[in-house]
Each structure stands twice: as C-alpha cells, then as structure tokens.
PDB file of N, CA and C in Angstrom:
ATOM      1  N   MET A   1       9.660 -17.871  13.723  1.00  0.00           N
ATOM      2  CA  MET A   1       9.883 -18.709  14.873  1.00  0.00           C
ATOM      3  C   MET A   1      11.059 -19.632  14.540  1.00  0.00           C
ATOM      4  N   GLU A   2      12.076 -19.535  15.366  1.00  0.00           N
ATOM      5  CA  GLU A   2      13.289 -20.299  15.113  1.00  0.00           C
ATOM      6  C   GLU A   2      13.338 -21.621  15.857  1.00  0.00           C
ATOM      7  N   ALA A   3      12.667 -21.680  17.009  1.00  0.00           N
ATOM      8  CA  ALA A   3      12.693 -22.902  17.809  1.00  0.00           C
ATOM      9  C   ALA A   3      11.279 -23.298  18.212  1.00  0.00           C
ATOM     10  N   CYS A   4      11.073 -24.577  18.371  1.00  0.00           N
ATOM     11  CA  CYS A   4       9.781 -25.098  18.823  1.00  0.00           C
ATOM     12  C   CYS A   4       9.510 -24.584  20.233  1.00  0.00           C
ATOM     13  N   PRO A   5       8.327 -24.005  20.483  1.00  0.00           N
ATOM     14  CA  PRO A   5       8.022 -23.516  21.825  1.00  0.00           C
ATOM     15  C   PRO A   5       7.783 -24.642  22.842  1.00  0.00           C
ATOM     16  N   ILE A   6       7.664 -25.852  22.368  1.00  0.00           N
ATOM     17  CA  ILE A   6       7.408 -26.982  23.266  1.00  0.00           C
ATOM     18  C   ILE A   6       8.713 -27.666  23.694  1.00  0.00           C
ATOM     19  N   CYS A   7       9.546 -28.018  22.706  1.00  0.00           N
ATOM     20  CA  CYS A   7      10.759 -28.776  23.039  1.00  0.00           C
ATOM     21  C   CYS A   7      12.054 -28.029  22.712  1.00  0.00           C
ATOM     22  N   ARG A   8      11.943 -26.849  22.130  1.00  0.00           N
ATOM     23  CA  ARG A   8      13.080 -25.980  21.805  1.00  0.00           C
ATOM     24  C   ARG A   8      13.962 -26.487  20.663  1.00  0.00           C
ATOM     25  N   ALA A   9      13.512 -27.462  19.906  1.00  0.00           N
ATOM     26  CA  ALA A   9      14.282 -27.919  18.747  1.00  0.00           C
ATOM     27  C   ALA A   9      14.260 -26.840  17.674  1.00  0.00           C
ATOM     28  N   GLY A  10      15.346 -26.726  16.938  1.00  0.00           N
ATOM     29  CA  GLY A  10      15.387 -25.770  15.832  1.00  0.00           C
ATOM     30  C   GLY A  10      14.396 -26.164  14.751  1.00  0.00           C
ATOM     31  N   LEU A  11      13.714 -25.163  14.181  1.00  0.00           N
ATOM     32  CA  LEU A  11      12.681 -25.456  13.186  1.00  0.00           C
ATOM     33  C   LEU A  11      13.183 -25.351  11.753  1.00  0.00           C
ATOM     34  N   ASN A  12      14.177 -24.517  11.504  1.00  0.00           N
ATOM     35  CA  ASN A  12      14.704 -24.333  10.153  1.00  0.00           C
ATOM     36  C   ASN A  12      13.613 -24.060   9.127  1.00  0.00           C
ATOM     37  N   GLY A  13      12.635 -23.241   9.505  1.00  0.00           N
ATOM     38  CA  GLY A  13      11.568 -22.854   8.593  1.00  0.00           C
ATOM     39  C   GLY A  13      10.403 -23.824   8.513  1.00  0.00           C
ATOM     40  N   ALA A  14      10.477 -24.935   9.199  1.00  0.00           N
ATOM     41  CA  ALA A  14       9.403 -25.930   9.144  1.00  0.00           C
ATOM     42  C   ALA A  14       8.237 -25.501  10.022  1.00  0.00           C
ATOM     43  N   SER A  15       7.059 -25.994   9.693  1.00  0.00           N
ATOM     44  CA  SER A  15       5.879 -25.697  10.505  1.00  0.00           C
ATOM     45  C   SER A  15       5.507 -26.868  11.412  1.00  0.00           C
ATOM     46  N   THR A  16       6.224 -27.979  11.280  1.00  0.00           N
ATOM     47  CA  THR A  16       6.059 -29.120  12.177  1.00  0.00           C
ATOM     48  C   THR A  16       7.416 -29.403  12.811  1.00  0.00           C
ATOM     49  N   CYS A  17       7.424 -29.539  14.117  1.00  0.00           N
ATOM     50  CA  CYS A  17       8.674 -29.781  14.830  1.00  0.00           C
ATOM     51  C   CYS A  17       9.204 -31.169  14.491  1.00  0.00           C
ATOM     52  N   ARG A  18      10.471 -31.244  14.163  1.00  0.00           N
ATOM     53  CA  ARG A  18      11.095 -32.522  13.813  1.00  0.00           C
ATOM     54  C   ARG A  18      11.256 -33.439  15.014  1.00  0.00           C
ATOM     55  N   ARG A  19      11.358 -32.843  16.210  1.00  0.00           N
ATOM     56  CA  ARG A  19      11.591 -33.649  17.412  1.00  0.00           C
ATOM     57  C   ARG A  19      10.283 -34.116  18.043  1.00  0.00           C
ATOM     58  N   CYS A  20       9.386 -33.181  18.367  1.00  0.00           N
ATOM     59  CA  CYS A  20       8.161 -33.568  19.088  1.00  0.00           C
ATOM     60  C   CYS A  20       6.938 -33.669  18.181  1.00  0.00           C
ATOM     61  N   ARG A  21       7.115 -33.316  16.920  1.00  0.00           N
ATOM     62  CA  ARG A  21       6.047 -33.408  15.913  1.00  0.00           C
ATOM     63  C   ARG A  21       4.864 -32.476  16.161  1.00  0.00           C
ATOM     64  N   ALA A  22       5.074 -31.424  16.927  1.00  0.00           N
ATOM     65  CA  ALA A  22       3.998 -30.452  17.170  1.00  0.00           C
ATOM     66  C   ALA A  22       3.700 -29.702  15.878  1.00  0.00           C
ATOM     67  N   ASP A  23       2.443 -29.528  15.584  1.00  0.00           N
ATOM     68  CA  ASP A  23       2.008 -28.742  14.429  1.00  0.00           C
ATOM     69  C   ASP A  23       1.976 -27.276  14.864  1.00  0.00           C
ATOM     70  N   LEU A  24       2.830 -26.469  14.298  1.00  0.00           N
ATOM     71  CA  LEU A  24       2.994 -25.080  14.718  1.00  0.00           C
ATOM     72  C   LEU A  24       2.423 -24.082  13.714  1.00  0.00           C
ATOM     73  N   ASP A  25       1.619 -24.554  12.772  1.00  0.00           N
ATOM     74  CA  ASP A  25       1.042 -23.655  11.769  1.00  0.00           C
ATOM     75  C   ASP A  25       0.303 -22.474  12.406  1.00  0.00           C
ATOM     76  N   ARG A  26      -0.576 -22.758  13.314  1.00  0.00           N
ATOM     77  CA  ARG A  26      -1.399 -21.706  13.932  1.00  0.00           C
ATOM     78  C   ARG A  26      -0.541 -20.757  14.771  1.00  0.00           C
ATOM     79  N   VAL A  27       0.414 -21.298  15.498  1.00  0.00           N
ATOM     80  CA  VAL A  27       1.300 -20.473  16.319  1.00  0.00           C
ATOM     81  C   VAL A  27       2.109 -19.538  15.429  1.00  0.00           C
ATOM     82  N   GLN A  28       2.626 -20.062  14.327  1.00  0.00           N
ATOM     83  CA  GLN A  28       3.405 -19.233  13.402  1.00  0.00           C
ATOM     84  C   GLN A  28       2.525 -18.177  12.734  1.00  0.00           C
ATOM     85  N   GLU A  29       1.285 -18.536  12.444  1.00  0.00           N
ATOM     86  CA  GLU A  29       0.343 -17.570  11.860  1.00  0.00           C
ATOM     87  C   GLU A  29       0.098 -16.407  12.825  1.00  0.00           C
ATOM     88  N   ILE A  30      -0.065 -16.710  14.087  1.00  0.00           N
ATOM     89  CA  ILE A  30      -0.281 -15.670  15.098  1.00  0.00           C
ATOM     90  C   ILE A  30       0.961 -14.796  15.233  1.00  0.00           C
ATOM     91  N   GLU A  31       2.133 -15.410  15.205  1.00  0.00           N
ATOM     92  CA  GLU A  31       3.380 -14.653  15.275  1.00  0.00           C
ATOM     93  C   GLU A  31       3.488 -13.684  14.093  1.00  0.00           C
ATOM     94  N   ARG A  32       3.158 -14.157  12.894  1.00  0.00           N
ATOM     95  CA  ARG A  32       3.197 -13.288  11.703  1.00  0.00           C
ATOM     96  C   ARG A  32       2.185 -12.150  11.801  1.00  0.00           C
ATOM     97  N   LEU A  33       1.001 -12.427  12.360  1.00  0.00           N
ATOM     98  CA  LEU A  33       0.001 -11.380  12.551  1.00  0.00           C
ATOM     99  C   LEU A  33       0.546 -10.301  13.482  1.00  0.00           C
ATOM    100  N   GLY A  34       1.171 -10.709  14.579  1.00  0.00           N
ATOM    101  CA  GLY A  34       1.771  -9.748  15.499  1.00  0.00           C
ATOM    102  C   GLY A  34       2.837  -8.905  14.820  1.00  0.00           C
ATOM    103  N   GLN A  35       3.634  -9.518  13.975  1.00  0.00           N
ATOM    104  CA  GLN A  35       4.666  -8.786  13.242  1.00  0.00           C
ATOM    105  C   GLN A  35       4.050  -7.784  12.266  1.00  0.00           C
ATOM    106  N   ARG A  36       2.973  -8.187  11.607  1.00  0.00           N
ATOM    107  CA  ARG A  36       2.299  -7.255  10.682  1.00  0.00           C
ATOM    108  C   ARG A  36       1.705  -6.074  11.432  1.00  0.00           C
ATOM    109  N   LEU A  37       1.089  -6.328  12.582  1.00  0.00           N
ATOM    110  CA  LEU A  37       0.511  -5.235  13.378  1.00  0.00           C
ATOM    111  C   LEU A  37       1.596  -4.281  13.859  1.00  0.00           C
ATOM    112  N   ALA A  38       2.736  -4.823  14.284  1.00  0.00           N
ATOM    113  CA  ALA A  38       3.855  -3.972  14.702  1.00  0.00           C
ATOM    114  C   ALA A  38       4.370  -3.166  13.512  1.00  0.00           C
ATOM    115  N   GLY A  39       4.373  -3.753  12.341  1.00  0.00           N
ATOM    116  CA  GLY A  39       4.801  -3.040  11.138  1.00  0.00           C
ATOM    117  C   GLY A  39       3.889  -1.867  10.804  1.00  0.00           C
ATOM    118  N   VAL A  40       2.592  -2.072  10.945  1.00  0.00           N
ATOM    119  CA  VAL A  40       1.636  -0.989  10.718  1.00  0.00           C
ATOM    120  C   VAL A  40       1.869   0.120  11.746  1.00  0.00           C
ATOM    121  N   ALA A  41       2.144  -0.266  12.986  1.00  0.00           N
ATOM    122  CA  ALA A  41       2.426   0.720  14.029  1.00  0.00           C
ATOM    123  C   ALA A  41       3.680   1.521  13.687  1.00  0.00           C
ATOM    124  N   MET A  42       4.709   0.848  13.189  1.00  0.00           N
ATOM    125  CA  MET A  42       5.935   1.549  12.806  1.00  0.00           C
ATOM    126  C   MET A  42       5.678   2.551  11.686  1.00  0.00           C
ATOM    127  N   ARG A  43       4.861   2.169  10.735  1.00  0.00           N
ATOM    128  CA  ARG A  43       4.523   3.114   9.654  1.00  0.00           C
ATOM    129  C   ARG A  43       3.735   4.299  10.208  1.00  0.00           C
ATOM    130  N   SER A  44       2.887   4.065  11.193  1.00  0.00           N
ATOM    131  CA  SER A  44       2.149   5.164  11.831  1.00  0.00           C
ATOM    132  C   SER A  44       3.107   6.101  12.548  1.00  0.00           C
ATOM    133  N   ILE A  45       4.091   5.542  13.233  1.00  0.00           N
ATOM    134  CA  ILE A  45       5.090   6.366  13.911  1.00  0.00           C
ATOM    135  C   ILE A  45       5.859   7.187  12.890  1.00  0.00           C
ATOM    136  N   ALA A  46       6.229   6.564  11.799  1.00  0.00           N
ATOM    137  CA  ALA A  46       6.979   7.277  10.752  1.00  0.00           C
ATOM    138  C   ALA A  46       6.175   8.444  10.190  1.00  0.00           C
ATOM    139  N   ARG A  47       4.859   8.293  10.124  1.00  0.00           N
ATOM    140  CA  ARG A  47       3.988   9.380   9.642  1.00  0.00           C
ATOM    141  C   ARG A  47       3.724  10.412  10.724  1.00  0.00           C
ATOM    142  N   GLY A  48       4.120  10.117  11.964  1.00  0.00           N
ATOM    143  CA  GLY A  48       3.863  11.023  13.068  1.00  0.00           C
ATOM    144  C   GLY A  48       2.486  10.849  13.681  1.00  0.00           C
ATOM    145  N   ASP A  49       1.804   9.776  13.332  1.00  0.00           N
ATOM    146  CA  ASP A  49       0.463   9.508  13.860  1.00  0.00           C
ATOM    147  C   ASP A  49       0.590   8.587  15.073  1.00  0.00           C
ATOM    148  N   PHE A  50       0.924   9.191  16.215  1.00  0.00           N
ATOM    149  CA  PHE A  50       1.178   8.412  17.419  1.00  0.00           C
ATOM    150  C   PHE A  50      -0.098   7.818  18.010  1.00  0.00           C
ATOM    151  N   HIS A  51      -1.224   8.448  17.762  1.00  0.00           N
ATOM    152  CA  HIS A  51      -2.492   7.904  18.250  1.00  0.00           C
ATOM    153  C   HIS A  51      -2.772   6.559  17.568  1.00  0.00           C
ATOM    154  N   ALA A  52      -2.657   6.521  16.260  1.00  0.00           N
ATOM    155  CA  ALA A  52      -2.871   5.263  15.531  1.00  0.00           C
ATOM    156  C   ALA A  52      -1.823   4.231  15.938  1.00  0.00           C
ATOM    157  N   ALA A  53      -0.579   4.677  16.102  1.00  0.00           N
ATOM    158  CA  ALA A  53       0.487   3.757  16.495  1.00  0.00           C
ATOM    159  C   ALA A  53       0.171   3.110  17.837  1.00  0.00           C
ATOM    160  N   ARG A  54      -0.343   3.896  18.772  1.00  0.00           N
ATOM    161  CA  ARG A  54      -0.701   3.358  20.093  1.00  0.00           C
ATOM    162  C   ARG A  54      -1.767   2.270  19.957  1.00  0.00           C
ATOM    163  N   GLN A  55      -2.746   2.504  19.100  1.00  0.00           N
ATOM    164  CA  GLN A  55      -3.806   1.511  18.908  1.00  0.00           C
ATOM    165  C   GLN A  55      -3.264   0.231  18.268  1.00  0.00           C
ATOM    166  N   TRP A  56      -2.442   0.386  17.226  1.00  0.00           N
ATOM    167  CA  TRP A  56      -1.879  -0.784  16.551  1.00  0.00           C
ATOM    168  C   TRP A  56      -0.962  -1.565  17.489  1.00  0.00           C
ATOM    169  N   LEU A  57      -0.189  -0.858  18.312  1.00  0.00           N
ATOM    170  CA  LEU A  57       0.702  -1.543  19.245  1.00  0.00           C
ATOM    171  C   LEU A  57      -0.081  -2.296  20.320  1.00  0.00           C
ATOM    172  N   GLY A  58      -1.202  -1.749  20.732  1.00  0.00           N
ATOM    173  CA  GLY A  58      -2.045  -2.461  21.686  1.00  0.00           C
ATOM    174  C   GLY A  58      -2.543  -3.778  21.101  1.00  0.00           C
ATOM    175  N   ARG A  59      -2.894  -3.743  19.837  1.00  0.00           N
ATOM    176  CA  ARG A  59      -3.331  -4.981  19.175  1.00  0.00           C
ATOM    177  C   ARG A  59      -2.171  -5.952  19.016  1.00  0.00           C
ATOM    178  N   ALA A  60      -1.001  -5.419  18.636  1.00  0.00           N
ATOM    179  CA  ALA A  60       0.178  -6.276  18.465  1.00  0.00           C
ATOM    180  C   ALA A  60       0.552  -6.937  19.795  1.00  0.00           C
ATOM    181  N   ARG A  61       0.504  -6.172  20.878  1.00  0.00           N
ATOM    182  CA  ARG A  61       0.825  -6.719  22.199  1.00  0.00           C
ATOM    183  C   ARG A  61      -0.150  -7.825  22.580  1.00  0.00           C
ATOM    184  N   ALA A  62      -1.425  -7.645  22.260  1.00  0.00           N
ATOM    185  CA  ALA A  62      -2.432  -8.652  22.595  1.00  0.00           C
ATOM    186  C   ALA A  62      -2.223  -9.947  21.810  1.00  0.00           C
ATOM    187  N   VAL A  63      -1.731  -9.818  20.595  1.00  0.00           N
ATOM    188  CA  VAL A  63      -1.529 -10.996  19.747  1.00  0.00           C
ATOM    189  C   VAL A  63      -0.191 -11.662  20.023  1.00  0.00           C
ATOM    190  N   HIS A  64       0.881 -10.851  20.056  1.00  0.00           N
ATOM    191  CA  HIS A  64       2.224 -11.421  20.203  1.00  0.00           C
ATOM    192  C   HIS A  64       3.155 -10.355  20.762  1.00  0.00           C
ATOM    193  N   ALA A  65       3.229 -10.274  22.072  1.00  0.00           N
ATOM    194  CA  ALA A  65       4.078  -9.283  22.735  1.00  0.00           C
ATOM    195  C   ALA A  65       5.538  -9.656  22.542  1.00  0.00           C
ATOM    196  N   THR A  66       6.303  -8.728  22.004  1.00  0.00           N
ATOM    197  CA  THR A  66       7.729  -8.946  21.774  1.00  0.00           C
ATOM    198  C   THR A  66       8.504  -7.754  22.322  1.00  0.00           C
ATOM    199  N   PRO A  67       9.808  -7.888  22.470  1.00  0.00           N
ATOM    200  CA  PRO A  67      10.607  -6.731  22.882  1.00  0.00           C
ATOM    201  C   PRO A  67      10.472  -5.553  21.915  1.00  0.00           C
ATOM    202  N   THR A  68      10.301  -5.833  20.647  1.00  0.00           N
ATOM    203  CA  THR A  68      10.122  -4.761  19.665  1.00  0.00           C
ATOM    204  C   THR A  68       8.849  -3.981  19.948  1.00  0.00           C
ATOM    205  N   VAL A  69       7.775  -4.675  20.221  1.00  0.00           N
ATOM    206  CA  VAL A  69       6.503  -4.011  20.529  1.00  0.00           C
ATOM    207  C   VAL A  69       6.653  -3.172  21.790  1.00  0.00           C
ATOM    208  N   GLN A  70       7.323  -3.700  22.796  1.00  0.00           N
ATOM    209  CA  GLN A  70       7.526  -2.958  24.038  1.00  0.00           C
ATOM    210  C   GLN A  70       8.356  -1.699  23.791  1.00  0.00           C
ATOM    211  N   THR A  71       9.380  -1.802  22.963  1.00  0.00           N
ATOM    212  CA  THR A  71      10.214  -0.637  22.647  1.00  0.00           C
ATOM    213  C   THR A  71       9.400   0.410  21.891  1.00  0.00           C
ATOM    214  N   LEU A  72       8.610  -0.021  20.935  1.00  0.00           N
ATOM    215  CA  LEU A  72       7.773   0.921  20.181  1.00  0.00           C
ATOM    216  C   LEU A  72       6.760   1.595  21.097  1.00  0.00           C
ATOM    217  N   GLU A  73       6.220   0.848  22.053  1.00  0.00           N
ATOM    218  CA  GLU A  73       5.284   1.452  23.013  1.00  0.00           C
ATOM    219  C   GLU A  73       5.975   2.523  23.850  1.00  0.00           C
ATOM    220  N   MET A  74       7.236   2.292  24.207  1.00  0.00           N
ATOM    221  CA  MET A  74       7.978   3.308  24.959  1.00  0.00           C
ATOM    222  C   MET A  74       8.213   4.557  24.114  1.00  0.00           C
ATOM    223  N   ILE A  75       8.464   4.378  22.833  1.00  0.00           N
ATOM    224  CA  ILE A  75       8.654   5.520  21.929  1.00  0.00           C
ATOM    225  C   ILE A  75       7.371   6.340  21.844  1.00  0.00           C
ATOM    226  N   VAL A  76       6.255   5.648  21.682  1.00  0.00           N
ATOM    227  CA  VAL A  76       4.969   6.345  21.594  1.00  0.00           C
ATOM    228  C   VAL A  76       4.639   7.027  22.918  1.00  0.00           C
ATOM    229  N   ALA A  77       4.918   6.357  24.033  1.00  0.00           N
ATOM    230  CA  ALA A  77       4.665   6.970  25.348  1.00  0.00           C
ATOM    231  C   ALA A  77       5.516   8.225  25.520  1.00  0.00           C
ATOM    232  N   ALA A  78       6.755   8.182  25.061  1.00  0.00           N
ATOM    233  CA  ALA A  78       7.624   9.363  25.145  1.00  0.00           C
ATOM    234  C   ALA A  78       7.073  10.493  24.286  1.00  0.00           C
ATOM    235  N   ALA A  79       6.498  10.144  23.157  1.00  0.00           N
ATOM    236  CA  ALA A  79       5.912  11.168  22.288  1.00  0.00           C
ATOM    237  C   ALA A  79       4.734  11.838  22.979  1.00  0.00           C
ATOM    238  N   TYR A  80       3.916  11.049  23.674  1.00  0.00           N
ATOM    239  CA  TYR A  80       2.762  11.616  24.373  1.00  0.00           C
ATOM    240  C   TYR A  80       3.160  12.374  25.632  1.00  0.00           C
ATOM    241  N   ALA A  81       4.320  12.063  26.187  1.00  0.00           N
ATOM    242  CA  ALA A  81       4.779  12.740  27.404  1.00  0.00           C
ATOM    243  C   ALA A  81       5.230  14.172  27.115  1.00  0.00           C
ATOM    244  N   ARG A  82       5.586  14.443  25.878  1.00  0.00           N
ATOM    245  CA  ARG A  82       5.999  15.802  25.502  1.00  0.00           C
ATOM    246  C   ARG A  82       4.764  16.698  25.457  1.00  0.00           C
ATOM    247  N   PRO A  83       4.801  17.831  26.121  1.00  0.00           N
ATOM    248  CA  PRO A  83       3.630  18.701  26.157  1.00  0.00           C
ATOM    249  C   PRO A  83       3.209  19.208  24.780  1.00  0.00           C
ATOM    250  N   SER A  84       4.159  19.381  23.889  1.00  0.00           N
ATOM    251  CA  SER A  84       3.809  19.955  22.585  1.00  0.00           C
ATOM    252  C   SER A  84       3.555  18.902  21.529  1.00  0.00           C
ATOM    253  N   CYS A  85       3.628  17.642  21.879  1.00  0.00           N
ATOM    254  CA  CYS A  85       3.553  16.593  20.878  1.00  0.00           C
ATOM    255  C   CYS A  85       2.107  16.220  20.581  1.00  0.00           C
ATOM    256  N   GLY A  86       1.753  16.305  19.325  1.00  0.00           N
ATOM    257  CA  GLY A  86       0.444  15.878  18.862  1.00  0.00           C
ATOM    258  C   GLY A  86       0.608  14.827  17.797  1.00  0.00           C
ATOM    259  N   PRO A  87      -0.464  14.394  17.193  1.00  0.00           N
ATOM    260  CA  PRO A  87      -0.388  13.334  16.203  1.00  0.00           C
ATOM    261  C   PRO A  87       0.511  13.650  15.016  1.00  0.00           C
ATOM    262  N   SER A  88       0.708  14.919  14.709  1.00  0.00           N
ATOM    263  CA  SER A  88       1.526  15.240  13.536  1.00  0.00           C
ATOM    264  C   SER A  88       2.746  16.073  13.908  1.00  0.00           C
ATOM    265  N   ASP A  89       3.180  16.016  15.150  1.00  0.00           N
ATOM    266  CA  ASP A  89       4.321  16.804  15.603  1.00  0.00           C
ATOM    267  C   ASP A  89       5.617  16.144  15.163  1.00  0.00           C
ATOM    268  N   GLU A  90       6.297  16.725  14.191  1.00  0.00           N
ATOM    269  CA  GLU A  90       7.520  16.159  13.665  1.00  0.00           C
ATOM    270  C   GLU A  90       8.725  16.485  14.536  1.00  0.00           C
ATOM    271  N   SER A  91       8.593  17.396  15.495  1.00  0.00           N
ATOM    272  CA  SER A  91       9.726  17.751  16.342  1.00  0.00           C
ATOM    273  C   SER A  91      10.145  16.574  17.205  1.00  0.00           C
ATOM    274  N   PHE A  92       9.207  15.663  17.527  1.00  0.00           N
ATOM    275  CA  PHE A  92       9.576  14.493  18.323  1.00  0.00           C
ATOM    276  C   PHE A  92      10.589  13.653  17.569  1.00  0.00           C
ATOM    277  N   ALA A  93      10.327  13.415  16.309  1.00  0.00           N
ATOM    278  CA  ALA A  93      11.256  12.619  15.505  1.00  0.00           C
ATOM    279  C   ALA A  93      12.618  13.307  15.424  1.00  0.00           C
ATOM    280  N   ALA A  94      12.623  14.619  15.306  1.00  0.00           N
ATOM    281  CA  ALA A  94      13.886  15.358  15.270  1.00  0.00           C
ATOM    282  C   ALA A  94      14.615  15.233  16.597  1.00  0.00           C
ATOM    283  N   ASP A  95      13.905  15.349  17.701  1.00  0.00           N
ATOM    284  CA  ASP A  95      14.522  15.233  19.028  1.00  0.00           C
ATOM    285  C   ASP A  95      15.084  13.829  19.253  1.00  0.00           C
ATOM    286  N   MET A  96      14.448  12.836  18.702  1.00  0.00           N
ATOM    287  CA  MET A  96      14.912  11.463  18.888  1.00  0.00           C
ATOM    288  C   MET A  96      16.072  11.135  17.939  1.00  0.00           C
ATOM    289  N   GLY A  97      16.430  12.048  17.055  1.00  0.00           N
ATOM    290  CA  GLY A  97      17.537  11.826  16.132  1.00  0.00           C
ATOM    291  C   GLY A  97      17.142  11.058  14.883  1.00  0.00           C
ATOM    292  N   TRP A  98      15.857  11.065  14.550  1.00  0.00           N
ATOM    293  CA  TRP A  98      15.416  10.359  13.343  1.00  0.00           C
ATOM    294  C   TRP A  98      15.467  11.287  12.182  1.00  0.00           C
TER     295      TRP A  98
END
C-alpha cells in the first residue's frame, strides 16, 4: 500500500499514516493476504491446474480485488472456454504464447 486509503498521504512503508494517524496494520495485512492468494493462483495456472486457480482467485477477489486478480480470472475463464481445455491441458499455455 503506497498511499493512505483515508487521506491519500504517501506511506513510504509505514503502517501508520503520517497525516491522519490512521492505523493501517490490519488493512495492510489484508492486502498482503490477497497478494498471497493471487500468488497461489498464479502457481496453479503455471501448473495448468485451472480449477484450483479459479478457487484461489475467488478467495483473492473476496479479500482484495485488484486488476491483477481480474486479469488472472479472465485468463482462467479463457482456459475454460476452450472445448479441449482441462485442468492439465498445456496447449492453452502454448496458445497464449507462454
């Protein structure tokens, strides 16, 4: 988190806002949890396990929806839209240029 969600002051890595003095420990913890869940989803995608990736992304979205999570969800949706794509279908990754 780069800026305070309350007053938009730059945080510079601090967990307490210098301007409004908001304690952002819990908010930052939730943000990190969302990032970890998205990371697990990315590893699932890399393994070709799109079913697990879909589940992890759903959890990540519930905790901290970001543009990255939305993009990963579109990738997984595209994988499921392919008639031949299953949890271990590596042709999807080849078609996407990975």
